[in-house]
């Protein structure tokens, strides 16, 4: 039995060292419960394949029963003249089992039974192994998990294994992990890169982004500000710094960050995103005239055709709130993003009741990595 305990304890110790970032927010009692459950399953599997430690427990169990066992066996006890038990015998179709003999469930001649037990146990363990890691737990206790790798992470890991010190390979792996919402794993990957290149602005840009995804806003702010000091030409630093400041309610600071991001946007999709967030930041900061002037300049031209472009049409009065969504807008990220934009539009216009309903719709979408989802959670907690 102690071998099983030692093996499970060692696996958990090594796993905590190498992959403890997966459970940063997991309560200690849940970690302990997981250890106990896995230890129990390990002991059960060990017993099913014939390990002899369970037989001492069998003797106690067998002597305490006087009815048929599930396998069709009867436990009997012979007594001496004074009423003391001399020995117990288990009678089965296969013969008698004396005290100290392996029970039918664990006998080597009961291979079929052992294999059936193993199959049952493995069928119970398999779903636990297939669960993806928890990346974010909301204040309401809802757990949001990563997705399964479809090959991109495995390929990036192979490429990095061929060139371990290559920072570009490290960033590629972190980006691949982010693509399947393995954000805490990506944070660990970018941290590994910073150990090799502590002054790499891109690594701070990416790690700050993933701290934002996992709602570690202070760490995100620290990384993005440090990245900006190292390299102020990186668009993603200013864009995500603006998001963090918006989340914190620093709308003037957010407007300044998006003002820096907009001119260096790499494509039309990012220009639409920067224009959208800049308009929201200016509006929430009370700079309504500047917000309208921004829309009139059309810095988001040409139309990117993404969620931000759809929201900008609402801000310009080209569509009504009920027309922002199209039949194609069904993904969780898209629903969260569009819903927040509509809610904020109502909030800017003074209709907090309708704004709240749209923020609730954003959170109900399940698109937890979306910035609209993140800010909707914050808006619903603001008074």
Protein backbone atom coordinates (compact mmCIF):
# COMPACT_ATOMS: atom_id res chain seq x y z
CA UNK A 1 0.00 0.00 0.00
CA UNK A 2 2.81 2.38 0.87
CA UNK A 3 4.26 1.95 -2.61
CA UNK A 4 1.05 3.32 -4.10
CA UNK A 5 1.01 6.22 -1.64
CA UNK A 6 4.63 7.06 -2.44
CA UNK A 7 4.05 6.91 -6.20
CA UNK A 8 0.99 9.17 -6.10
CA UNK A 9 2.69 11.62 -3.72
CA UNK A 10 5.76 11.79 -5.98
CA UNK A 11 3.66 12.37 -9.10
CA UNK A 12 1.76 15.17 -7.37
CA UNK A 13 4.98 16.77 -6.08
CA UNK A 14 6.62 16.77 -9.52
CA UNK A 15 3.39 17.93 -11.16
CA UNK A 16 3.07 20.80 -8.71
CA UNK A 17 6.61 21.92 -9.51
CA UNK A 18 6.25 21.68 -13.30
CA UNK A 19 2.58 22.53 -13.81
CA UNK A 20 1.36 24.21 -10.64
CA UNK A 21 0.40 27.30 -12.65
CA UNK A 22 -2.66 25.41 -13.87
CA UNK A 23 -4.21 25.60 -10.42
CA UNK A 24 -3.19 29.03 -9.22
CA UNK A 25 -6.73 29.83 -8.16
CA UNK A 26 -7.75 26.33 -7.02
CA UNK A 27 -8.61 26.23 -3.28
CA UNK A 28 -6.36 24.04 -1.14
CA UNK A 29 -9.22 21.78 -0.09
CA UNK A 30 -9.93 20.93 -3.72
CA UNK A 31 -6.28 20.08 -4.35
CA UNK A 32 -6.31 17.81 -1.29
CA UNK A 33 -9.58 16.20 -2.40
CA UNK A 34 -8.08 15.53 -5.84
CA UNK A 35 -5.08 13.85 -4.21
CA UNK A 36 -7.31 11.64 -2.04
CA UNK A 37 -9.52 10.65 -4.98
CA UNK A 38 -6.59 9.76 -7.23
CA UNK A 39 -4.93 7.83 -4.40
CA UNK A 40 -8.16 5.90 -3.88
CA UNK A 41 -8.42 5.08 -7.57
CA UNK A 42 -4.77 4.00 -7.62
CA UNK A 43 -5.30 1.66 -4.68
CA UNK A 44 -8.42 0.22 -6.28
CA UNK A 45 -6.61 -0.43 -9.57
CA UNK A 46 -3.70 -1.95 -7.66
CA UNK A 47 -6.08 -4.29 -5.88
CA UNK A 48 -7.83 -5.23 -9.11
CA UNK A 49 -4.61 -6.40 -10.77
CA UNK A 50 -3.65 -8.64 -7.85
CA UNK A 51 -1.61 -6.62 -5.35
CA UNK A 52 -1.83 -8.49 -2.02
CA UNK A 53 -2.13 -5.57 0.40
CA UNK A 54 -5.97 -5.59 0.20
CA UNK A 55 -6.16 -9.15 1.58
CA UNK A 56 -5.73 -8.07 5.19
CA UNK A 57 -8.78 -5.90 4.70
CA UNK A 58 -10.56 -8.83 3.06
CA UNK A 59 -10.10 -10.97 6.19
CA UNK A 60 -11.74 -8.31 8.32
CA UNK A 61 -14.55 -7.83 5.82
CA UNK A 62 -15.13 -11.55 5.37
CA UNK A 63 -15.24 -12.27 9.07
CA UNK A 64 -17.74 -9.49 9.63
CA UNK A 65 -20.23 -10.82 7.09
CA UNK A 66 -22.55 -13.75 7.46
CA UNK A 67 -24.43 -13.49 4.22
CA UNK A 68 -23.59 -14.30 0.62
CA UNK A 69 -20.90 -12.16 -0.97
CA UNK A 70 -21.57 -10.54 -4.37
CA UNK A 71 -19.64 -13.35 -6.03
CA UNK A 72 -21.95 -16.07 -4.64
CA UNK A 73 -19.73 -16.96 -1.64
CA UNK A 74 -20.83 -17.60 1.96
CA UNK A 75 -18.63 -16.72 4.92
CA UNK A 76 -18.87 -19.24 7.79
CA UNK A 77 -17.04 -19.42 11.09
CA UNK A 78 -16.31 -22.46 13.27
CA UNK A 79 -16.44 -21.97 17.02
CA UNK A 80 -14.75 -23.78 19.90
CA UNK A 81 -16.59 -24.93 23.03
CA UNK A 82 -16.26 -21.56 24.69
CA UNK A 83 -17.87 -19.67 21.81
CA UNK A 84 -14.62 -18.26 20.41
CA UNK A 85 -14.07 -18.30 16.66
CA UNK A 86 -11.37 -20.76 15.59
CA UNK A 87 -11.28 -19.99 11.89
CA UNK A 88 -13.41 -18.60 9.09
CA UNK A 89 -14.02 -20.22 5.72
CA UNK A 90 -15.53 -18.75 2.58
CA UNK A 91 -17.44 -21.25 0.52
CA UNK A 92 -17.73 -20.56 -3.20
CA UNK A 93 -18.57 -22.47 -6.32
CA UNK A 94 -14.82 -22.61 -7.03
CA UNK A 95 -14.09 -24.17 -3.61
CA UNK A 96 -13.27 -23.06 -0.10
CA UNK A 97 -11.12 -20.05 0.64
CA UNK A 98 -9.38 -20.22 4.00
CA UNK A 99 -8.23 -17.38 6.14
CA UNK A 100 -5.29 -15.66 4.47
CA UNK A 101 -6.18 -16.88 0.98
CA UNK A 102 -6.80 -14.28 -1.73
CA UNK A 103 -10.48 -13.45 -2.16
CA UNK A 104 -12.21 -14.44 -5.42
CA UNK A 105 -11.96 -10.89 -6.74
CA UNK A 106 -8.15 -10.96 -6.51
CA UNK A 107 -7.23 -14.55 -7.29
CA UNK A 108 -4.93 -15.14 -10.21
CA UNK A 109 -7.24 -17.84 -11.52
CA UNK A 110 -10.04 -15.25 -11.77
CA UNK A 111 -8.47 -13.41 -14.69
CA UNK A 112 -11.79 -12.60 -16.32
CA UNK A 113 -13.11 -11.04 -13.13
CA UNK A 114 -9.92 -9.02 -12.65
CA UNK A 115 -10.02 -7.74 -16.23
CA UNK A 116 -13.67 -6.77 -15.87
CA UNK A 117 -12.83 -4.85 -12.71
CA UNK A 118 -9.95 -3.13 -14.47
CA UNK A 119 -12.19 -2.16 -17.39
CA UNK A 120 -14.74 -0.69 -15.01
CA UNK A 121 -12.13 1.27 -13.11
CA UNK A 122 -10.49 2.57 -16.27
CA UNK A 123 -13.87 3.66 -17.61
CA UNK A 124 -14.26 5.75 -14.46
CA UNK A 125 -10.75 7.18 -14.62
CA UNK A 126 -10.75 8.01 -18.35
CA UNK A 127 -13.17 10.98 -18.16
CA UNK A 128 -11.01 12.53 -15.43
CA UNK A 129 -7.95 12.28 -17.67
CA UNK A 130 -9.79 13.91 -20.57
CA UNK A 131 -10.80 17.03 -18.62
CA UNK A 132 -9.03 20.18 -19.75
CA UNK A 133 -7.34 22.43 -17.22
CA UNK A 134 -9.28 25.19 -15.49
CA UNK A 135 -7.97 28.52 -16.80
CA UNK A 136 -10.35 30.93 -15.07
CA UNK A 137 -12.87 30.69 -12.25
CA UNK A 138 -15.38 33.54 -12.17
CA UNK A 139 -16.43 35.31 -8.95
CA UNK A 140 -19.67 33.32 -9.24
CA UNK A 141 -17.68 30.08 -9.16
CA UNK A 142 -18.07 29.19 -12.85
CA UNK A 143 -15.05 27.30 -14.18
CA UNK A 144 -13.83 28.01 -17.70
CA UNK A 145 -11.46 25.49 -19.24
CA UNK A 146 -8.96 25.31 -22.05
CA UNK A 147 -9.70 23.55 -25.32
CA UNK A 148 -8.10 20.46 -26.80
CA UNK A 149 -5.02 20.81 -28.93
CA UNK A 150 -5.74 20.08 -32.57
CA UNK A 151 -2.07 19.84 -33.46
CA UNK A 152 -0.74 23.41 -33.33
CA UNK A 153 0.62 23.10 -29.78
CA UNK A 154 2.24 19.74 -30.48
CA UNK A 155 3.95 21.12 -33.59
CA UNK A 156 5.16 24.21 -31.72
CA UNK A 157 6.51 22.02 -28.91
CA UNK A 158 8.40 19.88 -31.42
CA UNK A 159 9.87 22.95 -33.11
CA UNK A 160 10.96 24.36 -29.75
CA UNK A 161 12.49 21.03 -28.70
CA UNK A 162 14.73 21.27 -31.75
CA UNK A 163 15.87 24.79 -30.74
CA UNK A 164 15.31 25.23 -26.97
CA UNK A 165 17.01 28.64 -26.62
CA UNK A 166 15.11 30.17 -29.56
CA UNK A 167 12.88 33.00 -28.23
CA UNK A 168 10.86 33.11 -31.45
CA UNK A 169 10.02 29.42 -30.99
CA UNK A 170 9.02 30.10 -27.40
CA UNK A 171 6.68 32.89 -28.49
CA UNK A 172 5.24 30.63 -31.20
CA UNK A 173 4.48 27.96 -28.59
CA UNK A 174 2.83 30.49 -26.28
CA UNK A 175 0.71 31.80 -29.14
CA UNK A 176 -0.30 28.24 -30.09
CA UNK A 177 -1.29 27.53 -26.49
CA UNK A 178 -3.30 30.74 -26.44
CA UNK A 179 -5.10 29.58 -29.58
CA UNK A 180 -6.68 26.74 -27.60
CA UNK A 181 -7.23 28.91 -24.51
CA UNK A 182 -4.34 27.37 -22.57
CA UNK A 183 -3.58 30.78 -21.12
CA UNK A 184 -1.91 29.74 -17.88
CA UNK A 185 0.31 27.36 -19.81
CA UNK A 186 1.13 30.22 -22.19
CA UNK A 187 2.04 32.45 -19.24
CA UNK A 188 4.50 29.79 -18.09
CA UNK A 189 5.92 29.57 -21.62
CA UNK A 190 6.44 33.33 -21.91
CA UNK A 191 7.95 33.36 -18.42
CA UNK A 192 10.41 30.74 -19.62
CA UNK A 193 11.28 33.02 -22.52
CA UNK A 194 11.86 35.97 -20.20
CA UNK A 195 14.36 33.84 -18.32
CA UNK A 196 16.37 33.73 -21.55
CA UNK A 197 15.64 37.25 -22.79
CA UNK A 198 14.60 39.48 -19.85
CA UNK A 199 14.55 42.63 -22.01
CA UNK A 200 12.38 41.31 -24.82
CA UNK A 201 9.40 43.64 -25.19
CA UNK A 202 7.36 41.13 -27.20
CA UNK A 203 7.48 38.60 -24.38
CA UNK A 204 6.09 41.19 -21.98
CA UNK A 205 3.42 42.10 -24.54
CA UNK A 206 2.28 38.47 -24.80
CA UNK A 207 2.50 37.59 -21.13
CA UNK A 208 0.67 40.80 -20.20
CA UNK A 209 -2.07 39.89 -22.66
CA UNK A 210 -2.48 36.46 -21.07
CA UNK A 211 -2.46 37.87 -17.56
CA UNK A 212 -5.36 40.00 -18.81
CA UNK A 213 -7.12 36.91 -20.17
CA UNK A 214 -6.88 35.23 -16.76
CA UNK A 215 -8.02 38.41 -14.95
CA UNK A 216 -4.65 39.07 -13.29
CA UNK A 217 -4.95 42.77 -14.01
CA UNK A 218 -2.14 44.07 -11.79
CA UNK A 219 0.36 41.66 -13.33
CA UNK A 220 -0.91 42.55 -16.80
CA UNK A 221 -0.40 46.24 -16.08
CA UNK A 222 3.14 45.67 -14.81
CA UNK A 223 4.14 43.59 -17.84
CA UNK A 224 2.63 45.93 -20.42
CA UNK A 225 4.12 49.06 -18.86
CA UNK A 226 7.53 47.41 -18.69
CA UNK A 227 7.16 46.27 -22.30
CA UNK A 228 6.30 49.84 -23.33
CA UNK A 229 9.48 51.10 -21.69
CA UNK A 230 11.53 48.49 -23.54
CA UNK A 231 9.91 48.98 -26.96
CA UNK A 232 7.26 51.65 -27.51
CA UNK A 233 6.69 50.62 -31.14
CA UNK A 234 4.82 47.38 -30.33
CA UNK A 235 1.15 47.87 -31.18
CA UNK A 236 -0.09 45.04 -28.94
CA UNK A 237 1.42 46.64 -25.86
CA UNK A 238 -0.56 49.87 -26.23
CA UNK A 239 -3.76 48.15 -27.27
CA UNK A 240 -3.83 45.76 -24.31
CA UNK A 241 -2.63 48.45 -21.93
CA UNK A 242 -5.70 50.41 -23.00
CA UNK A 243 -7.93 47.42 -22.22
CA UNK A 244 -6.42 47.01 -18.74
CA UNK A 245 -6.90 50.70 -17.97
CA UNK A 246 -10.48 50.57 -19.24
CA UNK A 247 -11.15 47.58 -16.98
CA UNK A 248 -9.82 49.55 -14.04
CA UNK A 249 -12.07 52.50 -14.81
CA UNK A 250 -9.17 54.73 -15.89
CA UNK A 251 -10.91 55.91 -19.05
CA UNK A 252 -8.61 58.87 -19.66
CA UNK A 253 -5.59 56.59 -19.39
CA UNK A 254 -7.27 54.10 -21.70
CA UNK A 255 -7.93 56.84 -24.27
CA UNK A 256 -4.25 57.82 -24.16
CA UNK A 257 -3.17 54.19 -24.72
CA UNK A 258 -5.56 53.64 -27.66
CA UNK A 259 -4.45 56.97 -29.14
CA UNK A 260 -0.91 55.54 -29.18
CA UNK A 261 -2.10 52.23 -30.62
CA UNK A 262 -4.30 53.48 -33.47
CA UNK A 263 -1.59 54.98 -35.75
CA UNK A 264 0.51 51.81 -35.59
CA UNK A 265 -2.33 49.31 -36.09
CA UNK A 266 -1.01 46.52 -38.34
CA UNK A 267 -4.22 45.94 -40.35
CA UNK A 268 -7.82 47.01 -40.85
CA UNK A 269 -9.14 44.61 -38.20
CA UNK A 270 -6.87 46.10 -35.55
CA UNK A 271 -7.64 49.64 -36.72
CA UNK A 272 -11.33 48.92 -36.21
CA UNK A 273 -10.61 47.54 -32.74
CA UNK A 274 -8.48 50.52 -31.71
CA UNK A 275 -11.02 52.99 -33.08
CA UNK A 276 -13.85 51.24 -31.24
CA UNK A 277 -12.09 51.15 -27.88
CA UNK A 278 -10.85 54.71 -28.30
CA UNK A 279 -14.41 55.90 -28.96
CA UNK A 280 -15.66 54.05 -25.86
CA UNK A 281 -12.80 55.42 -23.73
CA UNK A 282 -13.38 59.01 -24.84
CA UNK A 283 -17.13 58.66 -24.31
CA UNK A 284 -16.74 57.21 -20.82
CA UNK A 285 -14.18 59.89 -19.96
CA UNK A 286 -16.78 62.56 -20.75
CA UNK A 287 -15.05 63.70 -23.95
CA UNK A 288 -18.13 63.36 -26.17
CA UNK A 289 -16.98 65.91 -28.75
CA UNK A 290 -13.63 64.14 -29.20
CA UNK A 291 -15.43 60.83 -29.50
CA UNK A 292 -17.68 62.15 -32.27
CA UNK A 293 -14.73 63.77 -34.06
CA UNK A 294 -13.00 60.39 -34.05
CA UNK A 295 -15.97 58.74 -35.77
CA UNK A 296 -16.15 61.54 -38.32
CA UNK A 297 -12.50 61.00 -39.29
CA UNK A 298 -13.17 57.33 -40.17
CA UNK A 299 -9.73 56.03 -39.16
CA UNK A 300 -11.12 52.49 -39.41
CA UNK A 301 -11.47 52.66 -43.22
CA UNK A 302 -11.55 50.27 -45.04
CA UNK A 303 -14.24 48.26 -43.29
CA UNK A 304 -12.71 45.25 -41.58
CA UNK A 305 -15.94 43.27 -41.50
CA UNK A 306 -15.37 42.14 -37.92
CA UNK A 307 -17.32 42.63 -34.68
CA UNK A 308 -15.71 46.03 -34.05
CA UNK A 309 -16.70 47.24 -37.52
CA UNK A 310 -20.28 46.22 -36.75
CA UNK A 311 -20.22 48.11 -33.46
CA UNK A 312 -18.80 51.21 -35.12
CA UNK A 313 -21.77 51.27 -37.47
CA UNK A 314 -23.99 51.44 -34.40
CA UNK A 315 -21.97 54.33 -32.94
CA UNK A 316 -22.33 56.24 -36.22
CA UNK A 317 -26.09 55.68 -36.34
CA UNK A 318 -25.93 53.52 -39.46
CA UNK A 319 -27.74 50.61 -37.79
CA UNK A 320 -30.02 50.21 -34.80
CA UNK A 321 -29.05 48.14 -31.72
CA UNK A 322 -31.37 45.36 -32.88
CA UNK A 323 -29.59 45.19 -36.25
CA UNK A 324 -26.02 44.86 -35.00
CA UNK A 325 -26.19 41.08 -34.86
CA UNK A 326 -26.29 39.09 -38.10
CA UNK A 327 -27.30 35.44 -38.56
CA UNK A 328 -23.61 34.56 -38.76
CA UNK A 329 -22.85 35.93 -35.29
CA UNK A 330 -23.11 32.73 -33.27
CA UNK A 331 -19.65 32.08 -31.80
CA UNK A 332 -19.19 32.71 -28.09
CA UNK A 333 -16.49 35.34 -28.68
CA UNK A 334 -18.56 37.19 -31.27
CA UNK A 335 -21.67 37.23 -29.08
CA UNK A 336 -19.71 38.46 -26.06
CA UNK A 337 -17.99 41.19 -28.09
CA UNK A 338 -21.09 42.51 -29.82
CA UNK A 339 -23.20 42.35 -26.67
CA UNK A 340 -20.73 44.42 -24.67
CA UNK A 341 -20.51 47.08 -27.39
CA UNK A 342 -24.29 47.46 -27.48
CA UNK A 343 -24.45 47.57 -23.68
CA UNK A 344 -21.78 50.25 -23.48
CA UNK A 345 -23.60 52.26 -26.17
CA UNK A 346 -26.74 52.22 -24.03
CA UNK A 347 -24.70 53.12 -20.94
CA UNK A 348 -23.15 56.14 -22.64
CA UNK A 349 -26.67 57.26 -23.59
CA UNK A 350 -27.82 56.97 -19.98
CA UNK A 351 -29.92 53.80 -20.21
CA UNK A 352 -28.28 51.67 -17.51
CA UNK A 353 -31.12 49.10 -17.41
CA UNK A 354 -30.73 48.11 -21.07
CA UNK A 355 -26.96 48.31 -20.71
CA UNK A 356 -27.06 45.80 -17.88
CA UNK A 357 -29.19 43.36 -19.87
CA UNK A 358 -26.64 43.40 -22.68
CA UNK A 359 -23.74 42.96 -20.24
CA UNK A 360 -25.56 39.94 -18.83
CA UNK A 361 -25.98 38.56 -22.35
CA UNK A 362 -22.27 38.99 -22.94
CA UNK A 363 -21.41 36.97 -19.83
CA UNK A 364 -24.04 34.35 -20.66
CA UNK A 365 -22.36 33.76 -24.04
CA UNK A 366 -19.58 31.70 -22.49
CA UNK A 367 -16.97 33.56 -24.53
CA UNK A 368 -14.85 34.19 -21.45
CA UNK A 369 -11.59 35.18 -23.24
CA UNK A 370 -13.30 38.07 -25.09
CA UNK A 371 -12.52 41.55 -23.82
CA UNK A 372 -16.23 42.30 -24.01
CA UNK A 373 -16.89 39.42 -21.62
CA UNK A 374 -14.12 40.55 -19.27
CA UNK A 375 -15.37 44.14 -19.10
CA UNK A 376 -19.00 43.02 -18.84
CA UNK A 377 -18.12 41.14 -15.66
CA UNK A 378 -16.60 44.33 -14.30
CA UNK A 379 -19.54 46.50 -15.39
CA UNK A 380 -22.00 44.19 -13.63
CA UNK A 381 -20.03 44.63 -10.40
CA UNK A 382 -19.77 48.39 -10.69
CA UNK A 383 -22.34 50.48 -8.84
